[in-house]
Protein backbone atom coordinates (compact mmCIF):
# COMPACT_ATOMS: atom_id res chain seq x y z
CA MET A 1 13.82 6.86 -11.35
CA LYS A 2 13.88 3.53 -13.16
CA ALA A 3 15.17 1.61 -10.14
CA GLU A 4 12.46 3.00 -7.87
CA VAL A 5 9.69 2.42 -10.42
CA ASP A 6 10.93 -1.11 -11.07
CA MET A 7 10.97 -1.87 -7.33
CA ALA A 8 7.38 -0.63 -6.98
CA CYS A 9 6.27 -2.69 -9.99
CA ARG A 10 7.99 -5.80 -8.63
CA PHE A 11 6.26 -5.22 -5.29
CA VAL A 12 2.78 -5.02 -6.84
CA THR A 13 3.50 -7.94 -9.17
CA LYS A 14 4.69 -10.05 -6.24
CA MET A 15 1.41 -9.34 -4.44
CA LEU A 16 -0.53 -10.38 -7.56
CA ARG A 17 1.59 -13.53 -7.91
CA GLY A 18 0.65 -14.53 -4.38
CA SER A 19 -3.00 -14.92 -5.34
CA GLY A 20 -2.16 -17.66 -7.84
CA LYS A 21 -4.83 -16.37 -10.24
CA LEU A 22 -2.51 -15.02 -12.94
CA SER A 23 0.01 -16.78 -15.17
CA GLU A 24 3.65 -15.73 -15.30
CA LYS A 25 3.04 -14.35 -18.79
CA GLN A 26 0.19 -12.17 -17.50
CA LEU A 27 2.30 -11.02 -14.54
CA ASP A 28 5.25 -10.13 -16.80
CA MET A 29 2.98 -8.15 -19.13
CA PHE A 30 1.39 -6.32 -16.18
CA HIS A 31 4.83 -5.51 -14.76
CA LYS A 32 6.06 -4.11 -18.10
CA LYS A 33 2.93 -2.03 -18.69
CA MET A 34 2.91 -0.63 -15.17
CA ARG A 35 6.60 0.30 -15.49
CA GLU A 36 5.95 2.06 -18.82
CA ILE A 37 2.98 3.97 -17.41
CA LEU A 38 4.82 5.06 -14.27
CA CYS A 39 7.98 6.15 -16.12
CA ALA A 40 5.91 8.23 -18.52
CA ARG A 41 3.79 9.65 -15.70
CA TYR A 42 6.75 10.59 -13.49
CA LYS A 43 8.91 12.00 -16.31
CA HIS A 44 8.26 15.62 -15.29
CA HIS A 45 7.48 14.88 -11.63
CA TRP A 46 10.80 13.44 -10.49
CA HIS A 47 13.01 15.74 -8.42
CA PRO A 48 16.06 13.97 -6.90
CA GLN A 49 17.25 17.28 -5.40
CA ASN A 50 13.91 17.61 -3.55
CA PRO A 51 12.43 14.09 -3.16
CA LEU A 52 9.24 15.22 -1.42
CA LEU A 53 8.29 17.55 -4.26
CA GLY A 54 5.55 15.76 -6.19
CA SER A 55 5.32 12.92 -3.68
CA GLY A 56 1.51 13.05 -3.61
CA PHE A 57 1.39 12.77 -7.40
CA ARG A 58 3.64 9.70 -7.29
CA CYS A 59 1.58 7.97 -4.58
CA ILE A 60 -0.38 4.90 -5.65
CA ARG A 61 -3.43 4.41 -3.49
CA ILE A 62 -5.97 1.63 -3.19
CA ASN A 63 -8.76 2.56 -0.81
CA HIS A 64 -11.52 0.05 -1.58
CA SER A 65 -11.15 1.08 -5.23
CA LEU A 66 -8.29 0.49 -7.61
CA ASP A 67 -5.79 3.27 -8.26
CA PRO A 68 -6.08 4.52 -11.87
CA VAL A 69 -2.42 3.63 -12.59
CA ILE A 70 -2.96 0.00 -11.60
CA ALA A 71 -6.27 -0.12 -13.47
CA GLU A 72 -4.60 1.29 -16.61
CA ALA A 73 -1.73 -1.22 -16.37
CA ALA A 74 -4.24 -4.06 -15.97
CA GLN A 75 -6.26 -2.92 -18.97
CA ALA A 76 -3.13 -2.43 -21.11
CA SER A 77 -2.01 -5.95 -20.27
CA GLY A 78 -5.40 -7.51 -21.01
CA LEU A 79 -6.45 -8.13 -17.42
CA LEU A 80 -9.77 -7.37 -15.80
CA ASN A 81 -9.77 -5.40 -12.55
CA ARG A 82 -11.58 -8.25 -10.80
CA GLU A 83 -8.68 -10.57 -11.63
CA LEU A 84 -6.36 -8.49 -9.46
CA SER A 85 -6.13 -9.67 -5.88
CA LEU A 86 -4.70 -6.74 -3.97
CA PRO A 87 -5.37 -5.48 -0.44
CA GLU A 88 -8.45 -3.30 -0.03
CA GLU A 89 -6.23 -0.62 1.46
CA LEU A 90 -2.72 -0.13 0.14
CA THR A 91 -0.58 2.97 -0.19
CA LEU A 92 2.64 2.92 -2.19
CA TRP A 93 4.98 5.91 -2.25
CA ILE A 94 7.52 6.07 -5.06
CA ASP A 95 10.06 8.82 -4.43
CA PRO A 96 13.68 9.41 -5.45
CA LYS A 97 15.84 6.87 -3.55
CA SER A 98 12.81 5.63 -1.61
CA VAL A 99 9.92 3.23 -2.14
CA ALA A 100 7.62 2.63 0.81
CA PHE A 101 4.24 1.06 1.40
CA ARG A 102 1.52 0.69 3.97
CA ILE A 103 -1.13 -2.01 4.03
CA GLY A 104 -4.28 -0.84 5.80
CA GLU A 105 -5.05 2.59 7.17
CA ASN A 106 -3.35 1.93 10.50
CA GLY A 107 -0.48 -0.22 9.27
CA SER A 108 3.14 0.67 9.67
CA ILE A 109 4.95 2.35 6.83
CA CYS A 110 7.60 -0.02 5.52
CA ASP A 111 10.50 0.91 3.29
CA LEU A 112 11.43 -1.33 0.41
CA ASP A 113 15.17 -1.75 -0.02
CA LEU A 114 16.08 -0.93 -3.59
CA ASP A 115 18.88 -3.53 -3.53
CA GLU A 116 17.47 -6.52 -1.65
CA SER A 117 14.21 -8.18 -2.63
CA LEU A 118 14.45 -10.50 0.40
CA LEU A 119 13.79 -7.53 2.66
CA GLN A 120 10.76 -6.78 0.50
CA GLU A 121 9.27 -10.18 1.28
CA ASN A 122 9.96 -9.70 4.98
CA ALA A 123 8.38 -6.23 4.91
CA ILE A 124 5.25 -7.55 3.17
CA ASN A 125 4.91 -10.39 5.67
CA LYS A 126 5.53 -8.07 8.64
CA ALA A 127 3.02 -5.50 7.40
CA SER A 128 0.39 -8.19 6.79
CA ARG A 129 0.89 -9.54 10.31
CA GLU A 130 0.64 -6.03 11.78
CA VAL A 131 -2.60 -5.34 9.91
CA MET A 132 -4.09 -8.62 11.16
CA ASN A 133 -2.95 -7.90 14.74
CA SER A 134 -4.39 -4.39 14.52
CA LYS A 135 -7.73 -5.74 13.26
CA ASN A 136 -7.77 -8.39 16.01
CA GLN A 137 -7.01 -5.78 18.69
CA GLU A 138 -9.70 -3.46 17.32
CA SER A 139 -12.18 -6.33 17.29
CA ARG A 140 -11.31 -7.29 20.89
CA SER A 141 -11.61 -3.64 21.91
CA ARG A 142 -15.05 -3.36 20.30
CA SER A 143 -16.13 -6.61 21.99
CA SER A 144 -15.10 -5.36 25.42
CA MET A 145 -16.85 -2.02 24.80
CA ASN A 146 -20.00 -3.91 23.80
CA LEU A 147 -19.82 -5.87 27.04
CA LEU A 148 -19.87 -2.55 28.87
CA ASN A 149 -22.81 -1.48 26.72
CA CYS A 150 -21.07 1.58 25.39
CA SER A 151 -19.07 2.60 22.35
CA LYS A 152 -15.83 4.45 21.80
CA ASP A 153 -17.66 7.40 20.28
CA VAL A 154 -19.91 7.93 23.29
CA VAL A 155 -17.32 7.64 26.07
CA SER A 156 -16.42 11.09 27.41
CA PHE A 157 -14.76 12.50 30.46
CA PRO A 158 -15.81 15.52 32.49
CA VAL A 159 -13.61 18.59 32.03
CA SER A 160 -12.72 18.58 35.72
CA SER A 161 -11.02 15.17 35.36
CA TYR A 162 -8.56 16.53 32.80
CA ILE A 163 -5.04 16.71 34.20
CA PRO A 164 -2.49 18.46 31.97
CA CYS A 165 0.87 16.77 31.50
């Protein structure tokens, strides 16, 4: 459990470090507090024989509001929530032998390698690029729909045009 929790904490801390708003001392304190909180929280919710059991409980989720675990770690380390620069949408799954994340609702799920932090950096960069590409494609799609004076929600097809595969 400790390796997986530590990987997740390093991942979140690395994201915070990227903002340049926090000192190394603040980042170290946040990392330690988050690790303590997660280890205590997962103590009776860690099942290596059945890794998916309790997976929802171990999920850290930011969906335009801060996950309580991250908020508690920030408070315990003397940080204000507004000092944390994290994505508006982030999901982090911490399971036995697996740590994965997704940035954005439509982003790809990326696994973090428990042994190589270099892959972590590549996964973060790849996920960020995918989110931006997805947003750009969605924006272009909306623009072309607006040119046609219609929206995705209104477009429908008659039942007779349905061809089963």
